[in-house]
mmCIF file of all heavy atoms, coordinates in Angstrom:
data_MODEL
# 
_entry.id   MODEL 
# 
loop_
_atom_site.group_PDB 
_atom_site.id 
_atom_site.type_symbol 
_atom_site.label_atom_id 
_atom_site.label_alt_id 
_atom_site.label_comp_id 
_atom_site.label_asym_id 
_atom_site.label_entity_id 
_atom_site.label_seq_id 
_atom_site.pdbx_PDB_ins_code 
_atom_site.Cartn_x 
_atom_site.Cartn_y 
_atom_site.Cartn_z 
_atom_site.occupancy 
_atom_site.B_iso_or_equiv 
_atom_site.pdbx_formal_charge 
_atom_site.auth_seq_id 
_atom_site.auth_comp_id 
_atom_site.auth_asym_id 
_atom_site.auth_atom_id 
_atom_site.pdbx_PDB_model_num 
ATOM 1   N N   . TYR A 1 1  ? -0.210 11.617 9.365   1.00 0.00 ? 1  TYR A N   1 
ATOM 2   C CA  . TYR A 1 1  ? 0.193  12.689 8.467   1.00 0.00 ? 1  TYR A CA  1 
ATOM 3   C C   . TYR A 1 1  ? 1.753  12.767 8.450   1.00 0.00 ? 1  TYR A C   1 
ATOM 4   O O   . TYR A 1 1  ? 2.340  12.868 7.397   1.00 0.00 ? 1  TYR A O   1 
ATOM 5   C CB  . TYR A 1 1  ? -0.397 14.016 8.952   1.00 0.00 ? 1  TYR A CB  1 
ATOM 6   C CG  . TYR A 1 1  ? 0.026  15.242 8.146   1.00 0.00 ? 1  TYR A CG  1 
ATOM 7   C CD1 . TYR A 1 1  ? -0.567 15.526 6.934   1.00 0.00 ? 1  TYR A CD1 1 
ATOM 8   C CD2 . TYR A 1 1  ? 1.012  16.092 8.605   1.00 0.00 ? 1  TYR A CD2 1 
ATOM 9   C CE1 . TYR A 1 1  ? -0.235 16.598 6.196   1.00 0.00 ? 1  TYR A CE1 1 
ATOM 10  C CE2 . TYR A 1 1  ? 1.383  17.206 7.876   1.00 0.00 ? 1  TYR A CE2 1 
ATOM 11  C CZ  . TYR A 1 1  ? 0.790  17.454 6.672   1.00 0.00 ? 1  TYR A CZ  1 
ATOM 12  O OH  . TYR A 1 1  ? 1.154  18.556 5.926   1.00 0.00 ? 1  TYR A OH  1 
ATOM 13  N N   . SER A 1 2  ? 2.345  12.706 9.623   1.00 0.00 ? 2  SER A N   1 
ATOM 14  C CA  . SER A 1 2  ? 3.815  12.690 9.775   1.00 0.00 ? 2  SER A CA  1 
ATOM 15  C C   . SER A 1 2  ? 4.426  11.547 8.951   1.00 0.00 ? 2  SER A C   1 
ATOM 16  O O   . SER A 1 2  ? 5.396  11.723 8.228   1.00 0.00 ? 2  SER A O   1 
ATOM 17  C CB  . SER A 1 2  ? 4.218  12.627 11.220  1.00 0.00 ? 2  SER A CB  1 
ATOM 18  O OG  . SER A 1 2  ? 5.599  12.532 11.368  1.00 0.00 ? 2  SER A OG  1 
ATOM 19  N N   . ILE A 1 3  ? 3.875  10.354 9.125   1.00 0.00 ? 3  ILE A N   1 
ATOM 20  C CA  . ILE A 1 3  ? 4.387  9.176  8.358   1.00 0.00 ? 3  ILE A CA  1 
ATOM 21  C C   . ILE A 1 3  ? 4.295  9.429  6.902   1.00 0.00 ? 3  ILE A C   1 
ATOM 22  O O   . ILE A 1 3  ? 5.247  9.132  6.127   1.00 0.00 ? 3  ILE A O   1 
ATOM 23  C CB  . ILE A 1 3  ? 3.586  7.882  8.736   1.00 0.00 ? 3  ILE A CB  1 
ATOM 24  C CG1 . ILE A 1 3  ? 3.875  7.521  10.220  1.00 0.00 ? 3  ILE A CG1 1 
ATOM 25  C CG2 . ILE A 1 3  ? 3.858  6.762  7.787   1.00 0.00 ? 3  ILE A CG2 1 
ATOM 26  C CD1 . ILE A 1 3  ? 2.934  6.478  10.767  1.00 0.00 ? 3  ILE A CD1 1 
ATOM 27  N N   . SER A 1 4  ? 3.184  9.991  6.430   1.00 0.00 ? 4  SER A N   1 
ATOM 28  C CA  . SER A 1 4  ? 3.038  10.219 4.969   1.00 0.00 ? 4  SER A CA  1 
ATOM 29  C C   . SER A 1 4  ? 4.077  11.213 4.462   1.00 0.00 ? 4  SER A C   1 
ATOM 30  O O   . SER A 1 4  ? 4.590  11.076 3.356   1.00 0.00 ? 4  SER A O   1 
ATOM 31  C CB  . SER A 1 4  ? 1.618  10.682 4.646   1.00 0.00 ? 4  SER A CB  1 
ATOM 32  O OG  . SER A 1 4  ? 1.379  12.025 5.074   1.00 0.00 ? 4  SER A OG  1 
ATOM 33  N N   . LYS A 1 5  ? 4.358  12.222 5.246   1.00 0.00 ? 5  LYS A N   1 
ATOM 34  C CA  . LYS A 1 5  ? 5.329  13.265 4.830   1.00 0.00 ? 5  LYS A CA  1 
ATOM 35  C C   . LYS A 1 5  ? 6.727  12.747 4.886   1.00 0.00 ? 5  LYS A C   1 
ATOM 36  O O   . LYS A 1 5  ? 7.586  13.161 4.107   1.00 0.00 ? 5  LYS A O   1 
ATOM 37  C CB  . LYS A 1 5  ? 5.124  14.545 5.625   1.00 0.00 ? 5  LYS A CB  1 
ATOM 38  C CG  . LYS A 1 5  ? 3.765  15.212 5.351   1.00 0.00 ? 5  LYS A CG  1 
ATOM 39  C CD  . LYS A 1 5  ? 3.614  15.502 3.853   1.00 0.00 ? 5  LYS A CD  1 
ATOM 40  C CE  . LYS A 1 5  ? 2.378  16.243 3.476   1.00 0.00 ? 5  LYS A CE  1 
ATOM 41  N NZ  . LYS A 1 5  ? 2.315  16.599 2.053   1.00 0.00 ? 5  LYS A NZ  1 
ATOM 42  N N   . THR A 1 6  ? 7.029  11.846 5.814   1.00 0.00 ? 6  THR A N   1 
ATOM 43  C CA  . THR A 1 6  ? 8.340  11.179 5.886   1.00 0.00 ? 6  THR A CA  1 
ATOM 44  C C   . THR A 1 6  ? 8.483  10.275 4.633   1.00 0.00 ? 6  THR A C   1 
ATOM 45  O O   . THR A 1 6  ? 9.573  10.220 4.029   1.00 0.00 ? 6  THR A O   1 
ATOM 46  C CB  . THR A 1 6  ? 8.478  10.363 7.158   1.00 0.00 ? 6  THR A CB  1 
ATOM 47  O OG1 . THR A 1 6  ? 8.325  11.229 8.288   1.00 0.00 ? 6  THR A OG1 1 
ATOM 48  C CG2 . THR A 1 6  ? 9.861  9.685  7.212   1.00 0.00 ? 6  THR A CG2 1 
ATOM 49  N N   . ALA A 1 7  ? 7.433  9.580  4.260   1.00 0.00 ? 7  ALA A N   1 
ATOM 50  C CA  . ALA A 1 7  ? 7.441  8.773  3.071   1.00 0.00 ? 7  ALA A CA  1 
ATOM 51  C C   . ALA A 1 7  ? 7.726  9.612  1.803   1.00 0.00 ? 7  ALA A C   1 
ATOM 52  O O   . ALA A 1 7  ? 8.457  9.188  0.918   1.00 0.00 ? 7  ALA A O   1 
ATOM 53  C CB  . ALA A 1 7  ? 6.139  7.994  2.881   1.00 0.00 ? 7  ALA A CB  1 
ATOM 54  N N   . ASP A 1 8  ? 7.156  10.785 1.760   1.00 0.00 ? 8  ASP A N   1 
ATOM 55  C CA  . ASP A 1 8  ? 7.453  11.743 0.624   1.00 0.00 ? 8  ASP A CA  1 
ATOM 56  C C   . ASP A 1 8  ? 8.942  12.037 0.554   1.00 0.00 ? 8  ASP A C   1 
ATOM 57  O O   . ASP A 1 8  ? 9.521  12.111 -0.543  1.00 0.00 ? 8  ASP A O   1 
ATOM 58  C CB  . ASP A 1 8  ? 6.649  13.044 0.767   1.00 0.00 ? 8  ASP A CB  1 
ATOM 59  C CG  . ASP A 1 8  ? 5.197  12.908 0.343   1.00 0.00 ? 8  ASP A CG  1 
ATOM 60  O OD1 . ASP A 1 8  ? 4.887  12.022 -0.455  1.00 0.00 ? 8  ASP A OD1 1 
ATOM 61  O OD2 . ASP A 1 8  ? 4.376  13.705 0.849   1.00 0.00 ? 8  ASP A OD2 1 
ATOM 62  N N   . ILE A 1 9  ? 9.605  12.223 1.682   1.00 0.00 ? 9  ILE A N   1 
ATOM 63  C CA  . ILE A 1 9  ? 11.046 12.480 1.688   1.00 0.00 ? 9  ILE A CA  1 
ATOM 64  C C   . ILE A 1 9  ? 11.791 11.296 1.149   1.00 0.00 ? 9  ILE A C   1 
ATOM 65  O O   . ILE A 1 9  ? 12.724 11.448 0.360   1.00 0.00 ? 9  ILE A O   1 
ATOM 66  C CB  . ILE A 1 9  ? 11.515 12.900 3.088   1.00 0.00 ? 9  ILE A CB  1 
ATOM 67  C CG1 . ILE A 1 9  ? 10.852 14.240 3.474   1.00 0.00 ? 9  ILE A CG1 1 
ATOM 68  C CG2 . ILE A 1 9  ? 13.042 12.980 3.147   1.00 0.00 ? 9  ILE A CG2 1 
ATOM 69  C CD1 . ILE A 1 9  ? 11.041 14.638 4.936   1.00 0.00 ? 9  ILE A CD1 1 
ATOM 70  N N   . GLY A 1 10 ? 11.384 10.094 1.504   1.00 0.00 ? 10 GLY A N   1 
ATOM 71  C CA  . GLY A 1 10 ? 12.007 8.884  0.971   1.00 0.00 ? 10 GLY A CA  1 
ATOM 72  C C   . GLY A 1 10 ? 11.810 8.792  -0.548  1.00 0.00 ? 10 GLY A C   1 
ATOM 73  O O   . GLY A 1 10 ? 12.719 8.395  -1.269  1.00 0.00 ? 10 GLY A O   1 
ATOM 74  N N   . MET A 1 11 ? 10.660 9.160  -1.028  1.00 0.00 ? 11 MET A N   1 
ATOM 75  C CA  . MET A 1 11 ? 10.365 9.204  -2.480  1.00 0.00 ? 11 MET A CA  1 
ATOM 76  C C   . MET A 1 11 ? 11.272 10.191 -3.166  1.00 0.00 ? 11 MET A C   1 
ATOM 77  O O   . MET A 1 11 ? 11.825 9.929  -4.238  1.00 0.00 ? 11 MET A O   1 
ATOM 78  C CB  . MET A 1 11 ? 8.912  9.531  -2.725  1.00 0.00 ? 11 MET A CB  1 
ATOM 79  C CG  . MET A 1 11 ? 8.533  9.415  -4.191  1.00 0.00 ? 11 MET A CG  1 
ATOM 80  S SD  . MET A 1 11 ? 6.829  9.902  -4.586  1.00 0.00 ? 11 MET A SD  1 
ATOM 81  C CE  . MET A 1 11 ? 5.885  9.430  -3.175  1.00 0.00 ? 11 MET A CE  1 
ATOM 82  N N   . ILE A 1 12 ? 11.447 11.366 -2.587  1.00 0.00 ? 12 ILE A N   1 
ATOM 83  C CA  . ILE A 1 12 ? 12.285 12.406 -3.157  1.00 0.00 ? 12 ILE A CA  1 
ATOM 84  C C   . ILE A 1 12 ? 13.740 11.889 -3.320  1.00 0.00 ? 12 ILE A C   1 
ATOM 85  O O   . ILE A 1 12 ? 14.321 11.956 -4.421  1.00 0.00 ? 12 ILE A O   1 
ATOM 86  C CB  . ILE A 1 12 ? 12.304 13.652 -2.224  1.00 0.00 ? 12 ILE A CB  1 
ATOM 87  C CG1 . ILE A 1 12 ? 10.966 14.375 -2.311  1.00 0.00 ? 12 ILE A CG1 1 
ATOM 88  C CG2 . ILE A 1 12 ? 13.446 14.588 -2.620  1.00 0.00 ? 12 ILE A CG2 1 
ATOM 89  C CD1 . ILE A 1 12 ? 10.688 15.323 -1.123  1.00 0.00 ? 12 ILE A CD1 1 
ATOM 90  N N   . ARG A 1 13 ? 14.268 11.249 -2.294  1.00 0.00 ? 13 ARG A N   1 
ATOM 91  C CA  . ARG A 1 13 ? 15.617 10.756 -2.325  1.00 0.00 ? 13 ARG A CA  1 
ATOM 92  C C   . ARG A 1 13 ? 15.773 9.598  -3.315  1.00 0.00 ? 13 ARG A C   1 
ATOM 93  O O   . ARG A 1 13 ? 16.752 9.529  -4.083  1.00 0.00 ? 13 ARG A O   1 
ATOM 94  C CB  . ARG A 1 13 ? 16.052 10.325 -0.936  1.00 0.00 ? 13 ARG A CB  1 
ATOM 95  C CG  . ARG A 1 13 ? 16.189 11.560 -0.026  1.00 0.00 ? 13 ARG A CG  1 
ATOM 96  C CD  . ARG A 1 13 ? 16.494 11.169 1.411   1.00 0.00 ? 13 ARG A CD  1 
ATOM 97  N NE  . ARG A 1 13 ? 16.695 12.408 2.224   1.00 0.00 ? 13 ARG A NE  1 
ATOM 98  C CZ  . ARG A 1 13 ? 16.530 12.423 3.517   1.00 0.00 ? 13 ARG A CZ  1 
ATOM 99  N NH1 . ARG A 1 13 ? 16.233 11.338 4.172   1.00 0.00 ? 13 ARG A NH1 1 
ATOM 100 N NH2 . ARG A 1 13 ? 16.682 13.543 4.150   1.00 0.00 ? 13 ARG A NH2 1 
ATOM 101 N N   . SER A 1 14 ? 14.845 8.689  -3.314  1.00 0.00 ? 14 SER A N   1 
ATOM 102 C CA  . SER A 1 14 ? 14.909 7.548  -4.212  1.00 0.00 ? 14 SER A CA  1 
ATOM 103 C C   . SER A 1 14 ? 14.785 7.954  -5.674  1.00 0.00 ? 14 SER A C   1 
ATOM 104 O O   . SER A 1 14 ? 15.524 7.467  -6.542  1.00 0.00 ? 14 SER A O   1 
ATOM 105 C CB  . SER A 1 14 ? 13.833 6.517  -3.868  1.00 0.00 ? 14 SER A CB  1 
ATOM 106 O OG  . SER A 1 14 ? 14.085 5.975  -2.608  1.00 0.00 ? 14 SER A OG  1 
ATOM 107 N N   . LEU A 1 15 ? 13.848 8.862  -5.973  1.00 0.00 ? 15 LEU A N   1 
ATOM 108 C CA  . LEU A 1 15 ? 13.671 9.318  -7.339  1.00 0.00 ? 15 LEU A CA  1 
ATOM 109 C C   . LEU A 1 15 ? 14.902 10.133 -7.771  1.00 0.00 ? 15 LEU A C   1 
ATOM 110 O O   . LEU A 1 15 ? 15.308 10.026 -8.959  1.00 0.00 ? 15 LEU A O   1 
ATOM 111 C CB  . LEU A 1 15 ? 12.418 10.180 -7.493  1.00 0.00 ? 15 LEU A CB  1 
ATOM 112 C CG  . LEU A 1 15 ? 11.085 9.455  -7.481  1.00 0.00 ? 15 LEU A CG  1 
ATOM 113 C CD1 . LEU A 1 15 ? 9.902  10.425 -7.462  1.00 0.00 ? 15 LEU A CD1 1 
ATOM 114 C CD2 . LEU A 1 15 ? 10.970 8.519  -8.718  1.00 0.00 ? 15 LEU A CD2 1 
ATOM 115 N N   . ALA A 1 16 ? 15.514 10.866 -6.898  1.00 0.00 ? 16 ALA A N   1 
ATOM 116 C CA  . ALA A 1 16 ? 16.714 11.621 -7.248  1.00 0.00 ? 16 ALA A CA  1 
ATOM 117 C C   . ALA A 1 16 ? 17.835 10.656 -7.686  1.00 0.00 ? 16 ALA A C   1 
ATOM 118 O O   . ALA A 1 16 ? 18.553 10.936 -8.650  1.00 0.00 ? 16 ALA A O   1 
ATOM 119 C CB  . ALA A 1 16 ? 17.166 12.485 -6.100  1.00 0.00 ? 16 ALA A CB  1 
ATOM 120 N N   . VAL A 1 17 ? 17.986 9.543  -6.953  1.00 0.00 ? 17 VAL A N   1 
ATOM 121 C CA  . VAL A 1 17 ? 18.984 8.552  -7.323  1.00 0.00 ? 17 VAL A CA  1 
ATOM 122 C C   . VAL A 1 17 ? 18.660 7.899  -8.648  1.00 0.00 ? 17 VAL A C   1 
ATOM 123 O O   . VAL A 1 17 ? 19.508 7.751  -9.505  1.00 0.00 ? 17 VAL A O   1 
ATOM 124 C CB  . VAL A 1 17 ? 19.103 7.469  -6.168  1.00 0.00 ? 17 VAL A CB  1 
ATOM 125 C CG1 . VAL A 1 17 ? 19.964 6.326  -6.632  1.00 0.00 ? 17 VAL A CG1 1 
ATOM 126 C CG2 . VAL A 1 17 ? 19.670 8.108  -4.915  1.00 0.00 ? 17 VAL A CG2 1 
ATOM 127 N N   . GLU A 1 18 ? 17.398 7.567  -8.860  1.00 0.00 ? 18 GLU A N   1 
ATOM 128 C CA  . GLU A 1 18 ? 16.965 6.893  -10.096 1.00 0.00 ? 18 GLU A CA  1 
ATOM 129 C C   . GLU A 1 18 ? 17.071 7.819  -11.311 1.00 0.00 ? 18 GLU A C   1 
ATOM 130 O O   . GLU A 1 18 ? 17.358 7.342  -12.424 1.00 0.00 ? 18 GLU A O   1 
ATOM 131 C CB  . GLU A 1 18 ? 15.546 6.390  -9.947  1.00 0.00 ? 18 GLU A CB  1 
ATOM 132 C CG  . GLU A 1 18 ? 15.347 5.260  -9.002  1.00 0.00 ? 18 GLU A CG  1 
ATOM 133 C CD  . GLU A 1 18 ? 13.896 4.836  -8.883  1.00 0.00 ? 18 GLU A CD  1 
ATOM 134 O OE1 . GLU A 1 18 ? 13.071 5.223  -9.719  1.00 0.00 ? 18 GLU A OE1 1 
ATOM 135 O OE2 . GLU A 1 18 ? 13.615 4.048  -7.946  1.00 0.00 ? 18 GLU A OE2 1 
ATOM 136 N N   . LEU A 1 19 ? 16.783 9.086  -11.157 1.00 0.00 ? 19 LEU A N   1 
ATOM 137 C CA  . LEU A 1 19 ? 16.589 9.967  -12.299 1.00 0.00 ? 19 LEU A CA  1 
ATOM 138 C C   . LEU A 1 19 ? 17.744 10.890 -12.611 1.00 0.00 ? 19 LEU A C   1 
ATOM 139 O O   . LEU A 1 19 ? 17.773 11.560 -13.617 1.00 0.00 ? 19 LEU A O   1 
ATOM 140 C CB  . LEU A 1 19 ? 15.305 10.782 -12.091 1.00 0.00 ? 19 LEU A CB  1 
ATOM 141 C CG  . LEU A 1 19 ? 14.035 9.971  -11.953 1.00 0.00 ? 19 LEU A CG  1 
ATOM 142 C CD1 . LEU A 1 19 ? 12.836 10.877 -11.638 1.00 0.00 ? 19 LEU A CD1 1 
ATOM 143 C CD2 . LEU A 1 19 ? 13.784 9.186  -13.235 1.00 0.00 ? 19 LEU A CD2 1 
ATOM 144 N N   . GLY A 1 20 ? 18.742 10.927 -11.722 1.00 0.00 ? 20 GLY A N   1 
ATOM 145 C CA  . GLY A 1 20 ? 19.910 11.777 -11.943 1.00 0.00 ? 20 GLY A CA  1 
ATOM 146 C C   . GLY A 1 20 ? 20.601 11.566 -13.295 1.00 0.00 ? 20 GLY A C   1 
ATOM 147 O O   . GLY A 1 20 ? 20.961 12.506 -13.942 1.00 0.00 ? 20 GLY A O   1 
ATOM 148 N N   . LYS A 1 21 ? 20.653 10.288 -13.709 1.00 0.00 ? 21 LYS A N   1 
ATOM 149 C CA  . LYS A 1 21 ? 21.325 9.966  -14.949 1.00 0.00 ? 21 LYS A CA  1 
ATOM 150 C C   . LYS A 1 21 ? 20.597 10.528 -16.166 1.00 0.00 ? 21 LYS A C   1 
ATOM 151 O O   . LYS A 1 21 ? 21.153 10.606 -17.279 1.00 0.00 ? 21 LYS A O   1 
ATOM 152 C CB  . LYS A 1 21 ? 21.514 8.465  -15.104 1.00 0.00 ? 21 LYS A CB  1 
ATOM 153 C CG  . LYS A 1 21 ? 20.243 7.658  -15.118 1.00 0.00 ? 21 LYS A CG  1 
ATOM 154 C CD  . LYS A 1 21 ? 20.545 6.141  -15.167 1.00 0.00 ? 21 LYS A CD  1 
ATOM 155 C CE  . LYS A 1 21 ? 19.363 5.297  -14.811 1.00 0.00 ? 21 LYS A CE  1 
ATOM 156 N NZ  . LYS A 1 21 ? 19.266 4.901  -13.442 1.00 0.00 ? 21 LYS A NZ  1 
ATOM 157 N N   . PHE A 1 22 ? 19.343 10.956 -15.952 1.00 0.00 ? 22 PHE A N   1 
ATOM 158 C CA  . PHE A 1 22 ? 18.578 11.561 -17.056 1.00 0.00 ? 22 PHE A CA  1 
ATOM 159 C C   . PHE A 1 22 ? 18.540 13.072 -16.926 1.00 0.00 ? 22 PHE A C   1 
ATOM 160 O O   . PHE A 1 22 ? 17.741 13.787 -17.575 1.00 0.00 ? 22 PHE A O   1 
ATOM 161 C CB  . PHE A 1 22 ? 17.133 11.038 -17.027 1.00 0.00 ? 22 PHE A CB  1 
ATOM 162 C CG  . PHE A 1 22 ? 17.061 9.525  -17.121 1.00 0.00 ? 22 PHE A CG  1 
ATOM 163 C CD1 . PHE A 1 22 ? 16.694 8.749  -16.073 1.00 0.00 ? 22 PHE A CD1 1 
ATOM 164 C CD2 . PHE A 1 22 ? 17.350 8.911  -18.345 1.00 0.00 ? 22 PHE A CD2 1 
ATOM 165 C CE1 . PHE A 1 22 ? 16.612 7.362  -16.187 1.00 0.00 ? 22 PHE A CE1 1 
ATOM 166 C CE2 . PHE A 1 22 ? 17.306 7.525  -18.469 1.00 0.00 ? 22 PHE A CE2 1 
ATOM 167 C CZ  . PHE A 1 22 ? 16.918 6.750  -17.393 1.00 0.00 ? 22 PHE A CZ  1 
ATOM 168 N N   . ASN A 1 23 ? 19.409 13.620 -16.049 1.00 0.00 ? 23 ASN A N   1 
ATOM 169 C CA  . ASN A 1 23 ? 19.475 15.051 -15.835 1.00 0.00 ? 23 ASN A CA  1 
ATOM 170 C C   . ASN A 1 23 ? 18.149 15.611 -15.260 1.00 0.00 ? 23 ASN A C   1 
ATOM 171 O O   . ASN A 1 23 ? 17.725 16.733 -15.626 1.00 0.00 ? 23 ASN A O   1 
ATOM 172 C CB  . ASN A 1 23 ? 19.901 15.816 -17.116 1.00 0.00 ? 23 ASN A CB  1 
ATOM 173 C CG  . ASN A 1 23 ? 20.399 17.216 -16.847 1.00 0.00 ? 23 ASN A CG  1 
ATOM 174 O OD1 . ASN A 1 23 ? 20.972 17.491 -15.803 1.00 0.00 ? 23 ASN A OD1 1 
ATOM 175 N ND2 . ASN A 1 23 ? 20.130 18.095 -17.775 1.00 0.00 ? 23 ASN A ND2 1 
ATOM 176 N N   . ILE A 1 24 ? 17.541 14.809 -14.409 1.00 0.00 ? 24 ILE A N   1 
ATOM 177 C CA  . ILE A 1 24 ? 16.309 15.209 -13.756 1.00 0.00 ? 24 ILE A CA  1 
ATOM 178 C C   . ILE A 1 24 ? 16.591 15.419 -12.267 1.00 0.00 ? 24 ILE A C   1 
ATOM 179 O O   . ILE A 1 24 ? 17.091 14.472 -11.617 1.00 0.00 ? 24 ILE A O   1 
ATOM 180 C CB  . ILE A 1 24 ? 15.183 14.203 -13.975 1.00 0.00 ? 24 ILE A CB  1 
ATOM 181 C CG1 . ILE A 1 24 ? 14.893 14.024 -15.467 1.00 0.00 ? 24 ILE A CG1 1 
ATOM 182 C CG2 . ILE A 1 24 ? 13.932 14.567 -13.185 1.00 0.00 ? 24 ILE A CG2 1 
ATOM 183 C CD1 . ILE A 1 24 ? 13.962 12.835 -15.780 1.00 0.00 ? 24 ILE A CD1 1 
ATOM 184 N N   . ASN A 1 25 ? 16.343 16.600 -11.765 1.00 0.00 ? 25 ASN A N   1 
ATOM 185 C CA  . ASN A 1 25 ? 16.529 16.905 -10.386 1.00 0.00 ? 25 ASN A CA  1 
ATOM 186 C C   . ASN A 1 25 ? 15.223 16.629 -9.615  1.00 0.00 ? 25 ASN A C   1 
ATOM 187 O O   . ASN A 1 25 ? 14.134 17.006 -10.118 1.00 0.00 ? 25 ASN A O   1 
ATOM 188 C CB  . ASN A 1 25 ? 16.910 18.369 -10.176 1.00 0.00 ? 25 ASN A CB  1 
ATOM 189 C CG  . ASN A 1 25 ? 18.208 18.745 -10.890 1.00 0.00 ? 25 ASN A CG  1 
ATOM 190 O OD1 . ASN A 1 25 ? 18.297 18.560 -12.102 1.00 0.00 ? 25 ASN A OD1 1 
ATOM 191 N ND2 . ASN A 1 25 ? 19.132 19.251 -10.126 1.00 0.00 ? 25 ASN A ND2 1 
ATOM 192 N N   . VAL A 1 26 ? 15.343 16.045 -8.453  1.00 0.00 ? 26 VAL A N   1 
ATOM 193 C CA  . VAL A 1 26 ? 14.170 15.778 -7.605  1.00 0.00 ? 26 VAL A CA  1 
ATOM 194 C C   . VAL A 1 26 ? 14.483 16.320 -6.211  1.00 0.00 ? 26 VAL A C   1 
ATOM 195 O O   . VAL A 1 26 ? 15.442 15.917 -5.598  1.00 0.00 ? 26 VAL A O   1 
ATOM 196 C CB  . VAL A 1 26 ? 13.822 14.277 -7.551  1.00 0.00 ? 26 VAL A CB  1 
ATOM 197 C CG1 . VAL A 1 26 ? 12.554 14.077 -6.758  1.00 0.00 ? 26 VAL A CG1 1 
ATOM 198 C CG2 . VAL A 1 26 ? 13.719 13.663 -8.926  1.00 0.00 ? 26 VAL A CG2 1 
ATOM 199 N N   . ASN A 1 27 ? 13.646 17.238 -5.772  1.00 0.00 ? 27 ASN A N   1 
ATOM 200 C CA  . ASN A 1 27 ? 13.865 17.868 -4.455  1.00 0.00 ? 27 ASN A CA  1 
ATOM 201 C C   . ASN A 1 27 ? 12.500 18.052 -3.802  1.00 0.00 ? 27 ASN A C   1 
ATOM 202 O O   . ASN A 1 27 ? 11.467 17.811 -4.381  1.00 0.00 ? 27 ASN A O   1 
ATOM 203 C CB  . ASN A 1 27 ? 14.537 19.204 -4.601  1.00 0.00 ? 27 ASN A CB  1 
ATOM 204 C CG  . ASN A 1 27 ? 15.979 19.053 -5.066  1.00 0.00 ? 27 ASN A CG  1 
ATOM 205 O OD1 . ASN A 1 27 ? 16.820 18.519 -4.317  1.00 0.00 ? 27 ASN A OD1 1 
ATOM 206 N ND2 . ASN A 1 27 ? 16.281 19.465 -6.268  1.00 0.00 ? 27 ASN A ND2 1 
ATOM 207 N N   . GLY A 1 28 ? 12.557 18.492 -2.556  1.00 0.00 ? 28 GLY A N   1 
ATOM 208 C CA  . GLY A 1 28 ? 11.300 18.701 -1.825  1.00 0.00 ? 28 GLY A CA  1 
ATOM 209 C C   . GLY A 1 28 ? 11.323 19.957 -0.991  1.00 0.00 ? 28 GLY A C   1 
ATOM 210 O O   . GLY A 1 28 ? 12.368 20.552 -0.744  1.00 0.00 ? 28 GLY A O   1 
# 
């Protein structure tokens, strides 16, 4: 469960980097 929730944090950060240029905020 801990690993899966850590992976979610990685997804949040990666999507924020990818989507910022489209004015899309990604947070958790």
